[in-house]
Amino acid sequence: MSPAQGCLPDAIRPDWPAVPGVRALMSTRLGGVSQAPFDSLNLRPPGLPGGDPDRPEHVLENQRRFAQALQAQPVWLEQVHGCAVVRLGREHANAGQPFPQADAAITTEPGVACTVMVADCLPVLFASRDGRVVGAAHAGWRGLAGGVLEATVAAMARAADVVPADLQAWLGPCIGPQAFEVGADVLRGFGVAALSADQLHFAFRPRPDGSPRWLADLTGLARARLQGVGVGAVSGGQWCTVSDALRFFSFRRDGRTGRMAAAIALGA
């Protein structure tokens, strides 16, 4: 039994070709100690600004379980739906360090886990095929449209002298294409005309009162962005956080809820 299976039996592992020494894990909402509405494996750090706080002792125990399953030290970010990327070193894993304000992280340092939190947004994990650099990105529609995935790929390429074709990416659970209702502002963010018709990654679904709305395919948009910069090996992306309330937190479904995490690290 793997460490993840023993500590967090419901945790999800990327289904990509294994890279020796790379540890990657995505939590679900199961396996923690938090009480409703954060039940049960809420991982949102109590020190982050804003939000609706869970009991700190519960979150810390949940984070301990997550770190034990991952066998690396997660570095939590203050995510702002942007496209800034932070390069993590061992100093970031020390207790008491401020949360880096970024929506993606990369590292070439063993034992330091690039970690992003989600509850409908798309988590994307990256690893080079030679196991020299890893990364994680938080891709809500704003960050995705703004280029957070492209920025993460570029940062990894600089850090380890690799090209995008040397990278593989995994898409974790997010709001699915049957649940992600958006307005014209989202289409414009991706440079798509707000037509009253289906378009690539956007299905036209007006509300009963006739107001225009579309269903957006977040994973499809992410795959297109990754392929556009040369990352051809992309897996995952088959889960919908909104439709599976037993397994996943969803902000759009519940409003007041916890956060899951996806993390990746090089072996110490």
C-alpha atoms as a PDB file:
ATOM      1  CA  MET A   1       0.000   0.000   0.000  1.00  0.00           C
ATOM      2  CA  SER A   2       1.355   3.442  -0.969  1.00  0.00           C
ATOM      3  CA  PRO A   3       1.706   6.206   1.650  1.00  0.00           C
ATOM      4  CA  ALA A   4      -1.195   8.078   0.034  1.00  0.00           C
ATOM      5  CA  GLN A   5      -3.442   5.042   0.153  1.00  0.00           C
ATOM      6  CA  GLY A   6      -2.564   4.417   3.787  1.00  0.00           C
ATOM      7  CA  CYS A   7      -3.045   8.025   5.025  1.00  0.00           C
ATOM      8  CA  LEU A   8      -5.680   9.333   2.635  1.00  0.00           C
ATOM      9  CA  PRO A   9      -7.399   6.385   0.961  1.00  0.00           C
ATOM     10  CA  ASP A  10      -9.434   8.562  -1.415  1.00  0.00           C
ATOM     11  CA  ALA A  11      -6.538  10.723  -2.643  1.00  0.00           C
ATOM     12  CA  ILE A  12      -6.039  10.902  -6.408  1.00  0.00           C
ATOM     13  CA  ARG A  13      -2.710  10.294  -8.086  1.00  0.00           C
ATOM     14  CA  PRO A  14      -1.881  11.564 -11.601  1.00  0.00           C
ATOM     15  CA  ASP A  15      -2.279   8.891 -14.270  1.00  0.00           C
ATOM     16  CA  TRP A  16       0.806   9.988 -16.185  1.00  0.00           C
ATOM     17  CA  PRO A  17       3.940   7.925 -16.867  1.00  0.00           C
ATOM     18  CA  ALA A  18       5.744   7.756 -13.538  1.00  0.00           C
ATOM     19  CA  VAL A  19       8.876   9.865 -13.164  1.00  0.00           C
ATOM     20  CA  PRO A  20      11.303   8.345 -10.623  1.00  0.00           C
ATOM     21  CA  GLY A  21      11.495  10.494  -7.500  1.00  0.00           C
ATOM     22  CA  VAL A  22       8.441  12.637  -8.265  1.00  0.00           C
ATOM     23  CA  ARG A  23       5.611  12.601  -5.719  1.00  0.00           C
ATOM     24  CA  ALA A  24       2.224  13.954  -6.731  1.00  0.00           C
ATOM     25  CA  LEU A  25      -1.134  13.906  -5.011  1.00  0.00           C
ATOM     26  CA  MET A  26      -4.587  15.497  -5.162  1.00  0.00           C
ATOM     27  CA  SER A  27      -6.819  15.453  -2.095  1.00  0.00           C
ATOM     28  CA  THR A  28     -10.573  15.022  -2.068  1.00  0.00           C
ATOM     29  CA  ARG A  29     -12.836  16.227   0.741  1.00  0.00           C
ATOM     30  CA  LEU A  30     -12.569  12.842   2.489  1.00  0.00           C
ATOM     31  CA  GLY A  31     -10.164  11.772   5.212  1.00  0.00           C
ATOM     32  CA  GLY A  32      -9.977  14.767   7.553  1.00  0.00           C
ATOM     33  CA  VAL A  33     -11.353  16.024  10.857  1.00  0.00           C
ATOM     34  CA  SER A  34     -13.163  19.278   9.962  1.00  0.00           C
ATOM     35  CA  GLN A  35     -16.858  19.629  10.684  1.00  0.00           C
ATOM     36  CA  ALA A  36     -19.597  20.801   8.307  1.00  0.00           C
ATOM     37  CA  PRO A  37     -19.566  22.774   6.092  1.00  0.00           C
ATOM     38  CA  PHE A  38     -15.812  22.116   5.848  1.00  0.00           C
ATOM     39  CA  ASP A  39     -16.138  18.360   6.229  1.00  0.00           C
ATOM     40  CA  SER A  40     -13.784  16.846   6.316  1.00  0.00           C
ATOM     41  CA  LEU A  41     -10.336  17.368   4.733  1.00  0.00           C
ATOM     42  CA  ASN A  42     -10.365  21.153   4.465  1.00  0.00           C
ATOM     43  CA  LEU A  43      -6.806  22.301   3.729  1.00  0.00           C
ATOM     44  CA  ARG A  44      -7.193  26.084   3.482  1.00  0.00           C
ATOM     45  CA  PRO A  45      -4.588  27.598   5.829  1.00  0.00           C
ATOM     46  CA  PRO A  46      -6.167  29.546   8.706  1.00  0.00           C
ATOM     47  CA  GLY A  47      -3.622  32.343   8.254  1.00  0.00           C
ATOM     48  CA  LEU A  48      -4.768  33.317   4.777  1.00  0.00           C
ATOM     49  CA  PRO A  49      -6.641  36.645   4.549  1.00  0.00           C
ATOM     50  CA  GLY A  50     -10.371  36.648   3.904  1.00  0.00           C
ATOM     51  CA  GLY A  51     -12.509  33.562   3.605  1.00  0.00           C
ATOM     52  CA  ASP A  52     -14.708  31.792   6.110  1.00  0.00           C
ATOM     53  CA  PRO A  53     -12.430  30.197   8.707  1.00  0.00           C
ATOM     54  CA  ASP A  54     -12.482  26.608   9.804  1.00  0.00           C
ATOM     55  CA  ARG A  55     -11.145  25.720  13.248  1.00  0.00           C
ATOM     56  CA  PRO A  56      -7.337  26.135  13.001  1.00  0.00           C
ATOM     57  CA  GLU A  57      -6.562  22.933  14.890  1.00  0.00           C
ATOM     58  CA  HIS A  58      -8.687  20.968  12.449  1.00  0.00           C
ATOM     59  CA  VAL A  59      -6.976  22.472   9.409  1.00  0.00           C
ATOM     60  CA  LEU A  60      -3.522  21.847  10.843  1.00  0.00           C
ATOM     61  CA  GLU A  61      -4.355  18.194  11.449  1.00  0.00           C
ATOM     62  CA  ASN A  62      -5.706  17.922   7.899  1.00  0.00           C
ATOM     63  CA  GLN A  63      -2.530  19.489   6.535  1.00  0.00           C
ATOM     64  CA  ARG A  64      -0.424  17.083   8.587  1.00  0.00           C
ATOM     65  CA  ARG A  65      -2.264  14.146   7.037  1.00  0.00           C
ATOM     66  CA  PHE A  66      -1.853  15.596   3.567  1.00  0.00           C
ATOM     67  CA  ALA A  67       1.898  16.140   4.036  1.00  0.00           C
ATOM     68  CA  GLN A  68       2.287  12.616   5.411  1.00  0.00           C
ATOM     69  CA  ALA A  69       0.505  11.154   2.394  1.00  0.00           C
ATOM     70  CA  LEU A  70       2.615  13.228   0.014  1.00  0.00           C
ATOM     71  CA  GLN A  71       5.881  12.623   1.909  1.00  0.00           C
ATOM     72  CA  ALA A  72       6.936  16.231   1.288  1.00  0.00           C
ATOM     73  CA  GLN A  73       6.289  19.645   2.805  1.00  0.00           C
ATOM     74  CA  PRO A  74       3.513  21.580   1.038  1.00  0.00           C
ATOM     75  CA  VAL A  75       4.111  25.286   0.491  1.00  0.00           C
ATOM     76  CA  TRP A  76       0.757  27.068   0.574  1.00  0.00           C
ATOM     77  CA  LEU A  77       0.132  30.102  -1.633  1.00  0.00           C
ATOM     78  CA  GLU A  78      -2.027  33.179  -1.278  1.00  0.00           C
ATOM     79  CA  GLN A  79      -3.869  32.690  -4.565  1.00  0.00           C
ATOM     80  CA  VAL A  80      -5.310  35.758  -6.282  1.00  0.00           C
ATOM     81  CA  HIS A  81      -6.585  34.399  -9.635  1.00  0.00           C
ATOM     82  CA  GLY A  82      -3.578  35.851 -11.408  1.00  0.00           C
ATOM     83  CA  CYS A  83      -0.671  34.380 -13.327  1.00  0.00           C
ATOM     84  CA  ALA A  84       2.355  35.049 -11.100  1.00  0.00           C
ATOM     85  CA  VAL A  85       4.707  32.090 -10.621  1.00  0.00           C
ATOM     86  CA  VAL A  86       6.989  31.675  -7.605  1.00  0.00           C
ATOM     87  CA  ARG A  87      10.121  29.527  -7.623  1.00  0.00           C
ATOM     88  CA  LEU A  88      10.250  27.666  -4.327  1.00  0.00           C
ATOM     89  CA  GLY A  89      13.349  26.773  -2.333  1.00  0.00           C
ATOM     90  CA  ARG A  90      13.889  25.067   0.977  1.00  0.00           C
ATOM     91  CA  GLU A  91      13.440  28.361   2.807  1.00  0.00           C
ATOM     92  CA  HIS A  92       9.787  28.461   1.761  1.00  0.00           C
ATOM     93  CA  ALA A  93       9.095  25.209   3.608  1.00  0.00           C
ATOM     94  CA  ASN A  94      10.152  26.613   6.975  1.00  0.00           C
ATOM     95  CA  ALA A  95       7.408  27.154   9.540  1.00  0.00           C
ATOM     96  CA  GLY A  96       6.263  30.735   9.959  1.00  0.00           C
ATOM     97  CA  GLN A  97       7.133  31.885   6.441  1.00  0.00           C
ATOM     98  CA  PRO A  98       4.655  34.271   4.791  1.00  0.00           C
ATOM     99  CA  PHE A  99       2.435  32.831   2.066  1.00  0.00           C
ATOM    100  CA  PRO A 100       3.852  33.672  -1.374  1.00  0.00           C
ATOM    101  CA  GLN A 101       1.255  35.618  -3.352  1.00  0.00           C
ATOM    102  CA  ALA A 102       1.059  33.661  -6.591  1.00  0.00           C
ATOM    103  CA  ASP A 103      -1.153  31.246  -8.466  1.00  0.00           C
ATOM    104  CA  ALA A 104       1.588  28.865  -9.519  1.00  0.00           C
ATOM    105  CA  ALA A 105       4.829  27.497  -8.136  1.00  0.00           C
ATOM    106  CA  ILE A 106       7.793  25.562  -9.481  1.00  0.00           C
ATOM    107  CA  THR A 107      10.806  23.994  -7.815  1.00  0.00           C
ATOM    108  CA  THR A 108      14.003  22.104  -8.470  1.00  0.00           C
ATOM    109  CA  GLU A 109      14.547  21.528  -4.734  1.00  0.00           C
ATOM    110  CA  PRO A 110      13.789  18.061  -3.326  1.00  0.00           C
ATOM    111  CA  GLY A 111      11.228  17.767  -0.540  1.00  0.00           C
ATOM    112  CA  VAL A 112       9.487  21.101  -1.271  1.00  0.00           C
ATOM    113  CA  ALA A 113       5.962  20.614  -2.601  1.00  0.00           C
ATOM    114  CA  CYS A 114       4.410  23.021  -5.083  1.00  0.00           C
ATOM    115  CA  THR A 115       0.813  23.194  -3.863  1.00  0.00           C
ATOM    116  CA  VAL A 116      -2.399  24.821  -5.089  1.00  0.00           C
ATOM    117  CA  MET A 117      -5.840  24.895  -3.470  1.00  0.00           C
ATOM    118  CA  VAL A 118      -9.120  24.507  -5.339  1.00  0.00           C
ATOM    119  CA  ALA A 119     -12.864  24.132  -4.903  1.00  0.00           C
ATOM    120  CA  ASP A 120     -13.977  24.372  -8.584  1.00  0.00           C
ATOM    121  CA  CYS A 121     -10.941  25.996 -10.215  1.00  0.00           C
ATOM    122  CA  LEU A 122      -8.627  23.698 -12.150  1.00  0.00           C
ATOM    123  CA  PRO A 123      -5.426  22.393 -10.531  1.00  0.00           C
ATOM    124  CA  VAL A 124      -2.651  21.540 -12.981  1.00  0.00           C
ATOM    125  CA  LEU A 125       0.457  19.590 -11.989  1.00  0.00           C
ATOM    126  CA  PHE A 126       3.624  19.520 -14.101  1.00  0.00           C
ATOM    127  CA  ALA A 127       6.751  17.372 -14.158  1.00  0.00           C
ATOM    128  CA  SER A 128       9.676  17.215 -16.533  1.00  0.00           C
ATOM    129  CA  ARG A 129      10.280  13.776 -17.956  1.00  0.00           C
ATOM    130  CA  ASP A 130      13.781  13.715 -16.462  1.00  0.00           C
ATOM    131  CA  GLY A 131      12.491  14.585 -12.972  1.00  0.00           C
ATOM    132  CA  ARG A 132      14.540  17.775 -12.577  1.00  0.00           C
ATOM    133  CA  VAL A 133      11.696  20.285 -12.177  1.00  0.00           C
ATOM    134  CA  VAL A 134       8.059  20.161 -11.074  1.00  0.00           C
ATOM    135  CA  GLY A 135       5.287  22.714 -10.833  1.00  0.00           C
ATOM    136  CA  ALA A 136       1.670  23.347  -9.900  1.00  0.00           C
ATOM    137  CA  ALA A 137      -0.807  25.941 -11.170  1.00  0.00           C
ATOM    138  CA  HIS A 138      -4.200  27.181  -9.959  1.00  0.00           C
ATOM    139  CA  ALA A 139      -6.247  27.847 -13.086  1.00  0.00           C
ATOM    140  CA  GLY A 140      -9.556  29.553 -12.609  1.00  0.00           C
ATOM    141  CA  TRP A 141     -10.912  31.136 -15.762  1.00  0.00           C
ATOM    142  CA  ARG A 142      -9.220  34.468 -15.051  1.00  0.00           C
ATOM    143  CA  GLY A 143      -5.810  32.929 -14.496  1.00  0.00           C
ATOM    144  CA  LEU A 144      -6.240  30.606 -17.444  1.00  0.00           C
ATOM    145  CA  ALA A 145      -7.220  33.467 -19.744  1.00  0.00           C
ATOM    146  CA  GLY A 146      -4.379  35.573 -18.342  1.00  0.00           C
ATOM    147  CA  GLY A 147      -1.736  32.943 -19.120  1.00  0.00           C
ATOM    148  CA  VAL A 148      -0.970  31.193 -15.816  1.00  0.00           C
ATOM    149  CA  LEU A 149      -0.261  27.883 -17.550  1.00  0.00           C
ATOM    150  CA  GLU A 150       2.006  29.454 -20.140  1.00  0.00           C
ATOM    151  CA  ALA A 151       3.840  31.337 -17.382  1.00  0.00           C
ATOM    152  CA  THR A 152       4.352  28.129 -15.407  1.00  0.00           C
ATOM    153  CA  VAL A 153       5.727  26.280 -18.432  1.00  0.00           C
ATOM    154  CA  ALA A 154       8.099  29.175 -19.205  1.00  0.00           C
ATOM    155  CA  ALA A 155       9.336  29.293 -15.590  1.00  0.00           C
ATOM    156  CA  MET A 156      10.017  25.559 -15.578  1.00  0.00           C
ATOM    157  CA  ALA A 157      11.860  25.793 -18.885  1.00  0.00           C
ATOM    158  CA  ARG A 158      14.135  28.516 -17.491  1.00  0.00           C
ATOM    159  CA  ALA A 159      14.728  26.739 -14.194  1.00  0.00           C
ATOM    160  CA  ALA A 160      15.845  23.400 -15.621  1.00  0.00           C
ATOM    161  CA  ASP A 161      16.844  24.181 -19.224  1.00  0.00           C
ATOM    162  CA  VAL A 162      14.013  22.112 -20.674  1.00  0.00           C
ATOM    163  CA  VAL A 163      11.602  22.706 -23.533  1.00  0.00           C
ATOM    164  CA  PRO A 164       7.803  22.405 -23.218  1.00  0.00           C
ATOM    165  CA  ALA A 165       7.845  19.079 -25.059  1.00  0.00           C
ATOM    166  CA  ASP A 166       9.926  17.720 -22.158  1.00  0.00           C
ATOM    167  CA  LEU A 167       7.043  18.391 -19.740  1.00  0.00           C
ATOM    168  CA  GLN A 168       3.935  16.428 -18.869  1.00  0.00           C
ATOM    169  CA  ALA A 169       0.826  17.911 -17.289  1.00  0.00           C
ATOM    170  CA  TRP A 170      -2.070  16.503 -15.289  1.00  0.00           C
ATOM    171  CA  LEU A 171      -5.476  18.147 -14.873  1.00  0.00           C
ATOM    172  CA  GLY A 172      -7.242  17.543 -11.581  1.00  0.00           C
ATOM    173  CA  PRO A 173     -10.912  17.812 -10.583  1.00  0.00           C
ATOM    174  CA  CYS A 174     -12.666  21.085 -11.405  1.00  0.00           C
ATOM    175  CA  ILE A 175     -16.095  22.407 -12.330  1.00  0.00           C
ATOM    176  CA  GLY A 176     -17.239  20.403 -15.342  1.00  0.00           C
ATOM    177  CA  PRO A 177     -18.553  21.555 -18.735  1.00  0.00           C
ATOM    178  CA  GLN A 178     -22.160  20.759 -17.782  1.00  0.00           C
ATOM    179  CA  ALA A 179     -21.997  22.953 -14.659  1.00  0.00           C
ATOM    180  CA  PHE A 180     -19.806  25.955 -15.504  1.00  0.00           C
ATOM    181  CA  GLU A 181     -22.320  28.576 -16.578  1.00  0.00           C
ATOM    182  CA  VAL A 182     -20.610  31.811 -17.652  1.00  0.00           C
ATOM    183  CA  GLY A 183     -21.469  35.185 -19.119  1.00  0.00           C
ATOM    184  CA  ALA A 184     -20.113  37.088 -22.081  1.00  0.00           C
ATOM    185  CA  ASP A 185     -17.233  38.492 -20.006  1.00  0.00           C
ATOM    186  CA  VAL A 186     -15.650  35.039 -19.805  1.00  0.00           C
ATOM    187  CA  LEU A 187     -15.850  34.517 -23.564  1.00  0.00           C
ATOM    188  CA  ARG A 188     -14.293  37.935 -24.119  1.00  0.00           C
ATOM    189  CA  GLY A 189     -11.518  37.012 -21.683  1.00  0.00           C
ATOM    190  CA  PHE A 190     -10.552  34.182 -24.019  1.00  0.00           C
ATOM    191  CA  GLY A 191     -10.900  36.311 -27.147  1.00  0.00           C
ATOM    192  CA  VAL A 192     -14.127  34.571 -28.200  1.00  0.00           C
ATOM    193  CA  ALA A 193     -17.103  36.459 -29.602  1.00  0.00           C
ATOM    194  CA  ALA A 194     -20.261  36.155 -27.489  1.00  0.00           C
ATOM    195  CA  LEU A 195     -22.375  34.571 -30.222  1.00  0.00           C
ATOM    196  CA  SER A 196     -25.792  33.008 -29.680  1.00  0.00           C
ATOM    197  CA  ALA A 197     -24.418  29.676 -30.858  1.00  0.00           C
ATOM    198  CA  ASP A 198     -22.128  26.885 -29.729  1.00  0.00           C
ATOM    199  CA  GLN A 199     -18.419  27.547 -30.172  1.00  0.00           C
ATOM    200  CA  LEU A 200     -15.287  25.603 -29.344  1.00  0.00           C
ATOM    201  CA  HIS A 201     -15.221  25.141 -25.521  1.00  0.00           C
ATOM    202  CA  PHE A 202     -18.395  27.243 -25.079  1.00  0.00           C
ATOM    203  CA  ALA A 203     -21.918  25.800 -25.482  1.00  0.00           C
ATOM    204  CA  PHE A 204     -24.694  28.398 -25.824  1.00  0.00           C
ATOM    205  CA  ARG A 205     -27.319  27.752 -23.148  1.00  0.00           C
ATOM    206  CA  PRO A 206     -29.572  30.800 -22.542  1.00  0.00           C
ATOM    207  CA  ARG A 207     -31.554  30.987 -19.337  1.00  0.00           C
ATOM    208  CA  PRO A 208     -35.332  30.522 -19.406  1.00  0.00           C
ATOM    209  CA  ASP A 209     -35.800  34.306 -19.431  1.00  0.00           C
ATOM    210  CA  GLY A 210     -33.687  34.493 -22.595  1.00  0.00           C
ATOM    211  CA  SER A 211     -30.582  36.065 -21.032  1.00  0.00           C
ATOM    212  CA  PRO A 212     -27.496  34.742 -22.812  1.00  0.00           C
ATOM    213  CA  ARG A 213     -25.332  32.236 -20.991  1.00  0.00           C
ATOM    214  CA  TRP A 214     -22.782  29.661 -22.048  1.00  0.00           C
ATOM    215  CA  LEU A 215     -21.402  26.451 -20.550  1.00  0.00           C
ATOM    216  CA  ALA A 216     -17.609  26.630 -20.507  1.00  0.00           C
ATOM    217  CA  ASP A 217     -15.250  23.663 -20.764  1.00  0.00           C
ATOM    218  CA  LEU A 218     -12.441  24.632 -18.392  1.00  0.00           C
ATOM    219  CA  THR A 219     -10.384  21.494 -19.001  1.00  0.00           C
ATOM    220  CA  GLY A 220     -10.796  21.846 -22.757  1.00  0.00           C
ATOM    221  CA  LEU A 221      -9.560  25.427 -22.572  1.00  0.00           C
ATOM    222  CA  ALA A 222      -6.586  24.315 -20.470  1.00  0.00           C
ATOM    223  CA  ARG A 223      -5.673  21.520 -22.881  1.00  0.00           C
ATOM    224  CA  ALA A 224      -5.741  23.987 -25.760  1.00  0.00           C
ATOM    225  CA  ARG A 225      -3.468  26.410 -23.886  1.00  0.00           C
ATOM    226  CA  LEU A 226      -0.994  23.648 -23.000  1.00  0.00           C
ATOM    227  CA  GLN A 227      -0.918  22.286 -26.534  1.00  0.00           C
ATOM    228  CA  GLY A 228      -0.469  25.819 -27.804  1.00  0.00           C
ATOM    229  CA  VAL A 229       2.862  26.134 -25.970  1.00  0.00           C
ATOM    230  CA  GLY A 230       4.042  22.655 -26.912  1.00  0.00           C
ATOM    231  CA  VAL A 231       3.049  20.505 -23.916  1.00  0.00           C
ATOM    232  CA  GLY A 232       1.616  17.483 -25.699  1.00  0.00           C
ATOM    233  CA  ALA A 233       1.450  14.977 -22.835  1.00  0.00           C
ATOM    234  CA  VAL A 234      -1.685  16.027 -20.934  1.00  0.00           C
ATOM    235  CA  SER A 235      -3.768  13.634 -18.836  1.00  0.00           C
ATOM    236  CA  GLY A 236      -6.557  13.749 -16.248  1.00  0.00           C
ATOM    237  CA  GLY A 237      -9.465  16.166 -16.300  1.00  0.00           C
ATOM    238  CA  GLN A 238     -12.360  13.714 -16.060  1.00  0.00           C
ATOM    239  CA  TRP A 239     -13.874  14.794 -12.715  1.00  0.00           C
ATOM    240  CA  CYS A 240     -16.561  17.417 -11.983  1.00  0.00           C
ATOM    241  CA  THR A 241     -16.415  18.985  -8.538  1.00  0.00           C
ATOM    242  CA  VAL A 242     -19.978  20.331  -8.711  1.00  0.00           C
ATOM    243  CA  SER A 243     -21.668  17.036  -9.562  1.00  0.00           C
ATOM    244  CA  ASP A 244     -19.980  14.920  -6.863  1.00  0.00           C
ATOM    245  CA  ALA A 245     -20.815  16.478  -3.494  1.00  0.00           C
ATOM    246  CA  LEU A 246     -19.696  13.397  -1.589  1.00  0.00           C
ATOM    247  CA  ARG A 247     -16.141  13.534  -2.885  1.00  0.00           C
ATOM    248  CA  PHE A 248     -15.359  17.139  -3.773  1.00  0.00           C
ATOM    249  CA  PHE A 249     -15.677  20.628  -2.316  1.00  0.00           C
ATOM    250  CA  SER A 250     -17.412  23.074  -4.671  1.00  0.00           C
ATOM    251  CA  PHE A 251     -17.706  26.785  -4.023  1.00  0.00           C
ATOM    252  CA  ARG A 252     -20.254  27.256  -6.809  1.00  0.00           C
ATOM    253  CA  ARG A 253     -22.457  24.485  -5.442  1.00  0.00           C
ATOM    254  CA  ASP A 254     -22.177  25.222  -1.719  1.00  0.00           C
ATOM    255  CA  GLY A 255     -20.767  28.722  -1.241  1.00  0.00           C
ATOM    256  CA  ARG A 256     -19.438  28.108   2.265  1.00  0.00           C
ATOM    257  CA  THR A 257     -17.060  25.181   1.923  1.00  0.00           C
ATOM    258  CA  GLY A 258     -13.517  23.873   2.283  1.00  0.00           C
ATOM    259  CA  ARG A 259     -10.580  23.610  -0.083  1.00  0.00           C
ATOM    260  CA  MET A 260      -8.807  20.646  -1.640  1.00  0.00           C
ATOM    261  CA  ALA A 261      -5.169  20.682  -2.691  1.00  0.00           C
ATOM    262  CA  ALA A 262      -2.992  19.321  -5.456  1.00  0.00           C
ATOM    263  CA  ALA A 263       0.733  19.085  -4.804  1.00  0.00           C
ATOM    264  CA  ILE A 264       3.889  17.802  -6.414  1.00  0.00           C
ATOM    265  CA  ALA A 265       7.448  17.457  -5.151  1.00  0.00           C
ATOM    266  CA  LEU A 266      10.802  15.976  -5.999  1.00  0.00           C
ATOM    267  CA  GLY A 267      11.911  13.207  -3.676  1.00  0.00           C
ATOM    268  CA  ALA A 268      14.218  14.267  -0.862  1.00  0.00           C
END
